[in-house]
């Protein structure tokens, strides 16, 4: 018989993770320029519909179909989620001995993960990409990159990264943050910089939107990390505690860095530090002690701050809303630190963190898992991007005149702030 507490817990966590994508829309929308806010938010909302449909069609099957024995791919046995109702009826009549909640919950829970991951990518491209080109790329990406990568990390003992390599990823350091951040970096390099990048200053047009979005992300993240325990138990409680601890430390750390560097702490900085703290603890949320989560949160903000303020300017890539600087960099750091701080008794493998065991095996596995993730994502991103560019006749980016006018009007014929007097 299913545990009603864990069933309710997983349903609530699923709804919390679904809230994250609208939250990200507000976060990104506030950071965007006034003339691009509708486009920026619609890229996130469009992902909700696109990924939601594709996940049922094939995404769930590609990620979690089959028997878990294949290293790169789930299978075709769950296409259109056809076995769902028959499996539900069979499991209701005779629940598996080790199941605490109906397996159908996982389809929606993992769908929400796919949505937020794809939406993160859009932040790197704000203000210059055709909406249709982005939708085509993300539609292919969620099936070709995200779903197989989810299988490689969480797909069973035969999966490449989680099973064969033995890398730990509690709630999405590799699958969510590194994949989305690196994809954003690849695409912004291919598309090129916005008009005036490096010359003019791009300021957030609505700081309260940024804070609102960060708050919604923070709230949803408790379901994101807590739900990855897949039971209402002590590990879920630890994941929630570590989530709030790391995010608090990241927020404080970012404000300290800002105070030292610029002399003024900002609300945008506090919101960014909050998110960076959430990102860094995600790979190890259920594996580390709270003091380690505190250290992880304190470390991530200076690292991400330097990536955003110095690395981007030095190399010259226009990661518009810093998807790579926050999620890619923070996810990589979190994966490495998990190899240091993982409590051996909580590990999913035979190896614990270097700090506890003196054995570098887990740390090596973590680094190898990250390297493999990077290689797979970069190669597939490039292949998909070139294919999309060919399909779109070489036009992924909007015309210069449309970019100057703003994508809200040129792409959608809609203004976020229409003036009643006719002037805007």
Protein backbone atom coordinates (compact mmCIF):
# COMPACT_ATOMS: atom_id res chain seq x y z
CA UNK A 1 0.00 0.00 0.00
CA UNK A 2 1.26 3.44 -0.90
CA UNK A 3 2.30 5.87 1.82
CA UNK A 4 -0.22 8.71 1.69
CA UNK A 5 2.24 11.13 3.29
CA UNK A 6 4.92 10.57 0.66
CA UNK A 7 2.30 10.65 -2.11
CA UNK A 8 1.01 14.03 -0.93
CA UNK A 9 4.56 15.27 -0.45
CA UNK A 10 5.57 14.37 -3.99
CA UNK A 11 2.44 15.95 -5.46
CA UNK A 12 3.14 19.19 -3.60
CA UNK A 13 6.81 19.12 -4.64
CA UNK A 14 5.75 18.62 -8.25
CA UNK A 15 3.52 21.70 -8.11
CA UNK A 16 6.34 23.70 -6.49
CA UNK A 17 8.74 22.82 -9.31
CA UNK A 18 6.12 23.83 -11.90
CA UNK A 19 5.99 27.24 -10.19
CA UNK A 20 9.70 27.77 -10.87
CA UNK A 21 9.35 28.43 -14.59
CA UNK A 22 6.84 31.33 -14.20
CA UNK A 23 9.13 32.53 -11.40
CA UNK A 24 12.08 32.48 -13.78
CA UNK A 25 10.00 34.45 -16.29
CA UNK A 26 9.64 37.26 -13.75
CA UNK A 27 13.31 37.03 -12.78
CA UNK A 28 14.49 37.25 -16.38
CA UNK A 29 11.78 39.73 -17.34
CA UNK A 30 12.89 42.15 -14.65
CA UNK A 31 16.51 41.89 -15.76
CA UNK A 32 15.62 42.49 -19.42
CA UNK A 33 15.30 45.85 -21.14
CA UNK A 34 11.87 47.47 -21.15
CA UNK A 35 11.34 46.93 -24.87
CA UNK A 36 12.11 43.19 -24.58
CA UNK A 37 10.30 42.16 -21.40
CA UNK A 38 7.34 40.48 -23.14
CA UNK A 39 9.66 38.51 -25.41
CA UNK A 40 11.89 37.51 -22.50
CA UNK A 41 8.98 36.30 -20.38
CA UNK A 42 7.24 34.62 -23.33
CA UNK A 43 10.36 32.57 -24.01
CA UNK A 44 9.89 31.03 -20.55
CA UNK A 45 6.12 30.65 -20.87
CA UNK A 46 6.48 29.20 -24.36
CA UNK A 47 8.79 26.57 -22.90
CA UNK A 48 6.00 25.48 -20.54
CA UNK A 49 3.76 24.52 -23.45
CA UNK A 50 6.45 23.20 -25.76
CA UNK A 51 8.25 21.00 -23.24
CA UNK A 52 5.02 19.90 -21.57
CA UNK A 53 3.75 18.47 -24.84
CA UNK A 54 7.05 16.96 -25.97
CA UNK A 55 7.63 15.33 -22.59
CA UNK A 56 4.46 13.28 -22.99
CA UNK A 57 5.17 12.52 -26.65
CA UNK A 58 8.71 11.21 -26.16
CA UNK A 59 10.73 12.99 -23.47
CA UNK A 60 9.64 10.79 -20.58
CA UNK A 61 10.32 7.65 -22.59
CA UNK A 62 13.75 8.81 -23.76
CA UNK A 63 14.74 9.71 -20.20
CA UNK A 64 13.18 6.96 -18.09
CA UNK A 65 11.87 4.30 -20.42
CA UNK A 66 13.37 0.84 -20.72
CA UNK A 67 14.84 -1.19 -17.88
CA UNK A 68 17.73 1.15 -16.97
CA UNK A 69 20.39 -1.04 -18.59
CA UNK A 70 21.32 1.30 -21.47
CA UNK A 71 24.05 3.90 -20.80
CA UNK A 72 22.84 6.76 -23.02
CA UNK A 73 19.10 6.42 -23.57
CA UNK A 74 15.93 5.14 -21.94
CA UNK A 75 13.82 3.61 -24.67
CA UNK A 76 10.70 3.85 -26.83
CA UNK A 77 8.36 1.85 -24.61
CA UNK A 78 6.80 4.91 -22.93
CA UNK A 79 6.02 7.00 -26.03
CA UNK A 80 2.89 9.13 -25.57
CA UNK A 81 2.87 7.78 -21.99
CA UNK A 82 0.65 5.01 -23.37
CA UNK A 83 1.29 2.47 -20.56
CA UNK A 84 0.50 5.05 -17.87
CA UNK A 85 -3.14 4.24 -17.07
CA UNK A 86 -2.75 0.48 -17.36
CA UNK A 87 0.32 0.64 -15.10
CA UNK A 88 -1.56 2.84 -12.63
CA UNK A 89 -4.46 0.41 -12.44
CA UNK A 90 -2.11 -2.55 -12.02
CA UNK A 91 -0.06 -0.79 -9.33
CA UNK A 92 -3.20 0.33 -7.49
CA UNK A 93 -4.45 -3.23 -7.35
CA UNK A 94 -1.04 -4.61 -6.37
CA UNK A 95 1.44 -1.87 -5.36
CA UNK A 96 5.15 -2.76 -5.69
CA UNK A 97 6.67 -3.62 -2.33
CA UNK A 98 9.27 -0.83 -2.51
CA UNK A 99 6.98 1.91 -3.89
CA UNK A 100 5.92 4.70 -1.52
CA UNK A 101 3.79 6.62 -4.05
CA UNK A 102 2.25 5.99 -7.51
CA UNK A 103 4.88 6.07 -10.24
CA UNK A 104 2.70 8.32 -12.40
CA UNK A 105 3.72 11.23 -10.17
CA UNK A 106 7.27 10.98 -11.52
CA UNK A 107 6.13 11.80 -15.06
CA UNK A 108 4.86 15.22 -13.98
CA UNK A 109 7.69 15.80 -11.50
CA UNK A 110 10.36 15.18 -14.14
CA UNK A 111 8.38 17.19 -16.71
CA UNK A 112 8.68 20.21 -14.43
CA UNK A 113 12.45 19.66 -14.26
CA UNK A 114 12.65 19.62 -18.04
CA UNK A 115 10.66 22.87 -18.24
CA UNK A 116 12.83 24.88 -15.87
CA UNK A 117 16.03 23.54 -17.45
CA UNK A 118 15.01 24.59 -20.95
CA UNK A 119 13.79 27.96 -19.69
CA UNK A 120 17.14 28.74 -18.05
CA UNK A 121 18.82 28.57 -21.47
CA UNK A 122 16.75 31.48 -22.79
CA UNK A 123 18.41 33.96 -20.43
CA UNK A 124 21.62 33.92 -22.45
CA UNK A 125 19.82 34.96 -25.64
CA UNK A 126 17.58 37.80 -24.46
CA UNK A 127 16.98 40.69 -26.81
CA UNK A 128 18.15 39.35 -30.17
CA UNK A 129 16.87 35.90 -31.17
CA UNK A 130 13.86 35.04 -33.33
CA UNK A 131 11.16 33.40 -31.25
CA UNK A 132 10.52 30.69 -33.83
CA UNK A 133 14.20 29.76 -34.05
CA UNK A 134 14.44 29.49 -30.29
CA UNK A 135 11.31 27.33 -30.09
CA UNK A 136 12.67 24.99 -32.77
CA UNK A 137 16.03 24.67 -31.04
CA UNK A 138 14.54 24.03 -27.60
CA UNK A 139 12.04 21.52 -28.97
CA UNK A 140 14.87 19.45 -30.43
CA UNK A 141 17.14 20.08 -27.43
CA UNK A 142 14.78 18.75 -24.80
CA UNK A 143 14.51 15.42 -26.67
CA UNK A 144 18.08 15.09 -27.94
CA UNK A 145 20.08 16.60 -25.06
CA UNK A 146 18.04 16.94 -21.88
CA UNK A 147 16.13 13.65 -21.85
CA UNK A 148 19.14 11.43 -22.67
CA UNK A 149 21.28 13.34 -20.17
CA UNK A 150 18.66 12.80 -17.47
CA UNK A 151 18.86 9.08 -18.26
CA UNK A 152 22.66 9.12 -18.15
CA UNK A 153 22.59 10.57 -14.63
CA UNK A 154 19.39 9.17 -13.08
CA UNK A 155 18.40 6.33 -15.40
CA UNK A 156 19.60 3.31 -13.42
CA UNK A 157 22.64 1.17 -12.75
CA UNK A 158 23.51 0.94 -16.43
CA UNK A 159 23.43 4.72 -16.99
CA UNK A 160 26.71 6.30 -18.06
CA UNK A 161 27.26 9.11 -15.54
CA UNK A 162 25.28 8.03 -12.50
CA UNK A 163 25.80 4.28 -12.84
CA UNK A 164 29.02 3.49 -14.69
CA UNK A 165 31.06 6.56 -13.69
CA UNK A 166 29.39 6.83 -10.28
CA UNK A 167 29.01 10.61 -10.14
CA UNK A 168 26.47 11.98 -7.66
CA UNK A 169 23.82 14.51 -8.64
CA UNK A 170 21.05 14.75 -6.08
CA UNK A 171 18.72 17.16 -7.88
CA UNK A 172 20.27 18.42 -11.10
CA UNK A 173 23.77 19.90 -11.01
CA UNK A 174 24.74 18.13 -14.24
CA UNK A 175 21.29 17.54 -15.68
CA UNK A 176 19.79 20.97 -15.05
CA UNK A 177 22.35 23.67 -14.33
CA UNK A 178 25.46 22.64 -16.24
CA UNK A 179 23.48 21.56 -19.31
CA UNK A 180 21.41 24.75 -19.45
CA UNK A 181 24.25 27.13 -18.59
CA UNK A 182 26.65 25.66 -21.14
CA UNK A 183 23.93 25.55 -23.79
CA UNK A 184 23.25 29.22 -23.17
CA UNK A 185 26.97 29.97 -23.57
CA UNK A 186 27.23 28.02 -26.85
CA UNK A 187 24.18 29.76 -28.31
CA UNK A 188 25.15 33.29 -27.30
CA UNK A 189 28.58 32.75 -28.87
CA UNK A 190 26.95 31.56 -32.11
CA UNK A 191 24.31 34.28 -32.24
CA UNK A 192 26.63 37.12 -31.34
CA UNK A 193 26.32 40.09 -29.03
CA UNK A 194 23.46 42.53 -28.67
CA UNK A 195 23.65 45.95 -30.30
CA UNK A 196 25.91 48.16 -28.21
CA UNK A 197 27.33 45.33 -26.10
CA UNK A 198 30.48 46.51 -24.38
CA UNK A 199 29.63 50.14 -25.14
CA UNK A 200 26.28 50.86 -23.54
CA UNK A 201 25.06 49.83 -20.09
CA UNK A 202 22.23 47.28 -19.87
CA UNK A 203 20.30 47.87 -16.68
CA UNK A 204 17.41 45.84 -15.26
CA UNK A 205 14.19 47.58 -16.22
CA UNK A 206 12.16 46.34 -13.22
CA UNK A 207 14.02 45.44 -10.04
CA UNK A 208 10.86 44.40 -8.13
CA UNK A 209 10.20 41.83 -10.89
CA UNK A 210 13.68 40.42 -10.27
CA UNK A 211 13.01 40.09 -6.54
CA UNK A 212 9.57 38.56 -7.14
CA UNK A 213 11.04 36.03 -9.57
CA UNK A 214 13.84 35.12 -7.15
CA UNK A 215 11.29 34.62 -4.39
CA UNK A 216 9.19 32.29 -6.54
CA UNK A 217 12.29 30.36 -7.57
CA UNK A 218 13.35 30.08 -3.92
CA UNK A 219 9.93 28.74 -2.92
CA UNK A 220 9.79 26.29 -5.80
CA UNK A 221 13.34 25.10 -5.15
CA UNK A 222 12.25 23.45 -1.90
CA UNK A 223 10.17 21.10 -4.00
CA UNK A 224 12.99 20.80 -6.54
CA UNK A 225 15.56 19.63 -3.98
CA UNK A 226 13.27 18.21 -1.30
CA UNK A 227 11.26 16.20 -3.81
CA UNK A 228 14.43 14.63 -5.18
CA UNK A 229 14.48 12.46 -2.05
CA UNK A 230 11.31 10.83 -3.48
CA UNK A 231 9.85 10.32 0.00
CA UNK A 232 8.68 12.43 2.92
CA UNK A 233 11.62 11.39 5.08
CA UNK A 234 14.75 12.62 6.79
CA UNK A 235 16.71 12.99 3.54
CA UNK A 236 14.01 15.30 2.18
CA UNK A 237 14.21 17.33 5.38
CA UNK A 238 18.00 17.52 5.07
CA UNK A 239 17.71 18.64 1.44
CA UNK A 240 15.26 21.41 2.40
CA UNK A 241 17.46 22.57 5.27
CA UNK A 242 20.56 22.60 3.06
CA UNK A 243 18.62 24.47 0.38
CA UNK A 244 17.71 27.36 2.65
CA UNK A 245 21.16 27.35 4.28
CA UNK A 246 23.11 27.58 1.03
CA UNK A 247 20.76 30.17 -0.47
CA UNK A 248 21.04 32.34 2.65
CA UNK A 249 24.81 32.11 2.59
CA UNK A 250 24.90 32.87 -1.13
CA UNK A 251 22.75 35.96 -0.65
CA UNK A 252 24.90 37.32 2.19
CA UNK A 253 28.10 36.48 0.37
CA UNK A 254 26.99 38.30 -2.78
CA UNK A 255 26.09 41.41 -0.80
CA UNK A 256 29.51 41.36 0.85
CA UNK A 257 31.23 41.05 -2.52
CA UNK A 258 29.17 43.94 -3.91
CA UNK A 259 29.92 46.09 -0.89
CA UNK A 260 33.64 45.47 -1.30
CA UNK A 261 33.69 45.87 -5.09
CA UNK A 262 31.24 48.73 -5.67
CA UNK A 263 30.53 50.15 -2.23
CA UNK A 264 26.78 49.48 -2.50
CA UNK A 265 24.77 46.28 -1.92
CA UNK A 266 21.83 45.91 -4.32
CA UNK A 267 18.51 44.08 -4.47
CA UNK A 268 19.46 42.59 -7.85
CA UNK A 269 22.68 41.35 -6.26
CA UNK A 270 20.81 39.84 -3.32
CA UNK A 271 18.43 38.07 -5.71
CA UNK A 272 21.30 36.77 -7.83
CA UNK A 273 23.22 35.55 -4.79
CA UNK A 274 20.11 33.76 -3.57
CA UNK A 275 19.81 31.91 -6.87
CA UNK A 276 23.55 31.14 -7.00
CA UNK A 277 23.32 29.58 -3.54
CA UNK A 278 20.42 27.43 -4.70
CA UNK A 279 22.34 26.31 -7.76
CA UNK A 280 25.51 25.29 -5.94
CA UNK A 281 23.77 23.12 -3.35
CA UNK A 282 21.53 21.29 -5.84
CA UNK A 283 24.02 18.49 -6.69
CA UNK A 284 24.66 17.73 -3.01
CA UNK A 285 21.48 18.81 -1.24
CA UNK A 286 20.80 15.35 0.20
CA UNK A 287 24.43 14.36 0.62
CA UNK A 288 26.06 17.09 2.73
CA UNK A 289 25.77 18.47 6.25
CA UNK A 290 24.31 21.94 6.85
CA UNK A 291 27.72 23.42 7.70
CA UNK A 292 28.95 22.25 4.27
CA UNK A 293 25.91 23.83 2.59
CA UNK A 294 26.84 27.06 4.39
CA UNK A 295 30.38 26.86 2.99
CA UNK A 296 29.09 26.05 -0.50
CA UNK A 297 26.76 29.04 -0.49
CA UNK A 298 29.48 31.35 0.79
CA UNK A 299 31.90 30.18 -1.90
CA UNK A 300 29.61 30.31 -4.93
CA UNK A 301 28.82 34.02 -4.93
CA UNK A 302 32.41 35.31 -5.30
CA UNK A 303 33.05 32.71 -8.01
CA UNK A 304 29.88 33.56 -9.98
CA UNK A 305 30.40 37.28 -9.42
CA UNK A 306 33.86 37.07 -10.95
CA UNK A 307 32.53 35.01 -13.86
CA UNK A 308 29.81 37.57 -14.56
CA UNK A 309 31.83 40.75 -13.98
CA UNK A 310 35.25 39.72 -15.32
CA UNK A 311 35.22 36.52 -17.38
CA UNK A 312 32.38 37.70 -19.60
CA UNK A 313 34.06 41.03 -20.29
CA UNK A 314 37.50 39.49 -20.84
CA UNK A 315 36.33 36.84 -23.30
CA UNK A 316 33.63 39.04 -24.82
CA UNK A 317 30.61 36.72 -24.89
CA UNK A 318 27.18 38.30 -24.37
CA UNK A 319 25.45 36.02 -21.88
CA UNK A 320 22.63 38.53 -21.57
CA UNK A 321 21.06 37.49 -18.25
CA UNK A 322 24.01 35.41 -17.02
CA UNK A 323 22.59 31.92 -17.38
CA UNK A 324 26.10 30.52 -17.80
CA UNK A 325 27.68 32.77 -15.18
CA UNK A 326 25.17 31.67 -12.53
CA UNK A 327 23.92 28.22 -13.51
CA UNK A 328 26.84 26.83 -15.50
CA UNK A 329 29.59 28.04 -13.19
CA UNK A 330 27.57 27.45 -10.02
CA UNK A 331 26.57 23.95 -11.14
CA UNK A 332 30.17 22.96 -11.88
CA UNK A 333 31.33 24.29 -8.51
CA UNK A 334 28.52 22.46 -6.71
CA UNK A 335 29.38 19.17 -8.39
CA UNK A 336 33.04 19.44 -7.40
CA UNK A 337 32.25 20.45 -3.80
CA UNK A 338 29.89 17.48 -3.48
CA UNK A 339 32.95 15.31 -4.07
CA UNK A 340 34.56 16.99 -1.08
CA UNK A 341 31.68 17.22 1.37
CA UNK A 342 29.48 14.16 0.71
CA UNK A 343 28.76 12.25 3.92
CA UNK A 344 29.79 8.64 3.16
CA UNK A 345 26.67 7.12 4.74
CA UNK A 346 24.46 9.28 2.50
CA UNK A 347 26.25 8.54 -0.76
CA UNK A 348 24.45 6.58 -3.48
CA UNK A 349 27.76 4.87 -4.32
CA UNK A 350 30.53 3.15 -2.37
CA UNK A 351 32.47 6.41 -2.09
CA UNK A 352 32.15 9.36 0.27
CA UNK A 353 33.59 12.85 0.17
CA UNK A 354 37.33 13.42 0.27
CA UNK A 355 37.05 15.43 3.48
CA UNK A 356 35.57 12.42 5.33
CA UNK A 357 37.40 9.49 3.78
CA UNK A 358 40.70 10.86 2.51
CA UNK A 359 39.92 8.91 -0.66
CA UNK A 360 39.74 11.04 -3.84
CA UNK A 361 37.61 8.46 -5.70
CA UNK A 362 34.32 10.34 -5.43
CA UNK A 363 35.93 13.67 -6.27
CA UNK A 364 37.46 12.10 -9.38
CA UNK A 365 34.07 10.62 -10.32
CA UNK A 366 32.43 14.02 -9.86
CA UNK A 367 34.95 15.76 -12.09
CA UNK A 368 34.74 13.01 -14.70
CA UNK A 369 30.95 13.23 -14.67
CA UNK A 370 31.13 16.98 -15.23
CA UNK A 371 33.64 16.60 -18.08
CA UNK A 372 31.48 13.98 -19.80
CA UNK A 373 28.42 16.20 -19.36
CA UNK A 374 30.25 19.16 -20.88
CA UNK A 375 31.48 17.14 -23.84
CA UNK A 376 28.08 15.64 -24.63
CA UNK A 377 26.21 18.93 -24.26
CA UNK A 378 28.68 20.98 -26.31
CA UNK A 379 28.80 18.52 -29.23
CA UNK A 380 25.03 18.04 -29.39
CA UNK A 381 24.35 21.78 -28.95
CA UNK A 382 26.54 22.60 -31.93
CA UNK A 383 24.90 19.97 -34.11
CA UNK A 384 21.40 21.15 -33.21
CA UNK A 385 22.30 24.83 -33.63
CA UNK A 386 23.75 24.30 -37.10
CA UNK A 387 20.71 22.26 -38.09
CA UNK A 388 18.30 24.92 -36.83
CA UNK A 389 20.23 27.65 -38.60
CA UNK A 390 19.97 25.70 -41.85
CA UNK A 391 16.24 25.08 -41.38
CA UNK A 392 15.67 28.78 -40.64
CA UNK A 393 17.56 29.85 -43.75
CA UNK A 394 20.50 31.14 -41.76
CA UNK A 395 18.35 33.58 -39.79
CA UNK A 396 18.35 32.78 -36.10
CA UNK A 397 18.76 36.39 -35.11
CA UNK A 398 16.29 39.22 -35.70
CA UNK A 399 17.11 42.04 -38.11
CA UNK A 400 19.07 44.99 -36.76
CA UNK A 401 16.09 47.31 -37.17
CA UNK A 402 13.82 44.92 -35.24
CA UNK A 403 16.41 44.58 -32.50
CA UNK A 404 16.59 48.36 -32.18
CA UNK A 405 12.80 48.63 -32.04
CA UNK A 406 12.57 45.90 -29.45
CA UNK A 407 11.41 42.32 -29.73
CA UNK A 408 8.14 42.94 -27.90
CA UNK A 409 6.83 44.89 -30.88
CA UNK A 410 8.81 43.33 -33.73
CA UNK A 411 8.26 39.68 -32.72
CA UNK A 412 4.93 39.83 -30.85
CA UNK A 413 3.19 43.13 -31.60
CA UNK A 414 2.68 43.60 -27.89
CA UNK A 415 3.92 46.14 -25.35
CA UNK A 416 4.44 45.39 -21.67
CA UNK A 417 3.60 48.94 -20.67
CA UNK A 418 1.21 50.57 -23.18
CA UNK A 419 0.52 54.20 -22.35
CA UNK A 420 -3.11 55.35 -22.17
CA UNK A 421 -2.17 58.62 -23.84
CA UNK A 422 -0.81 56.80 -26.87
CA UNK A 423 2.75 57.71 -25.97
CA UNK A 424 5.27 55.19 -24.65
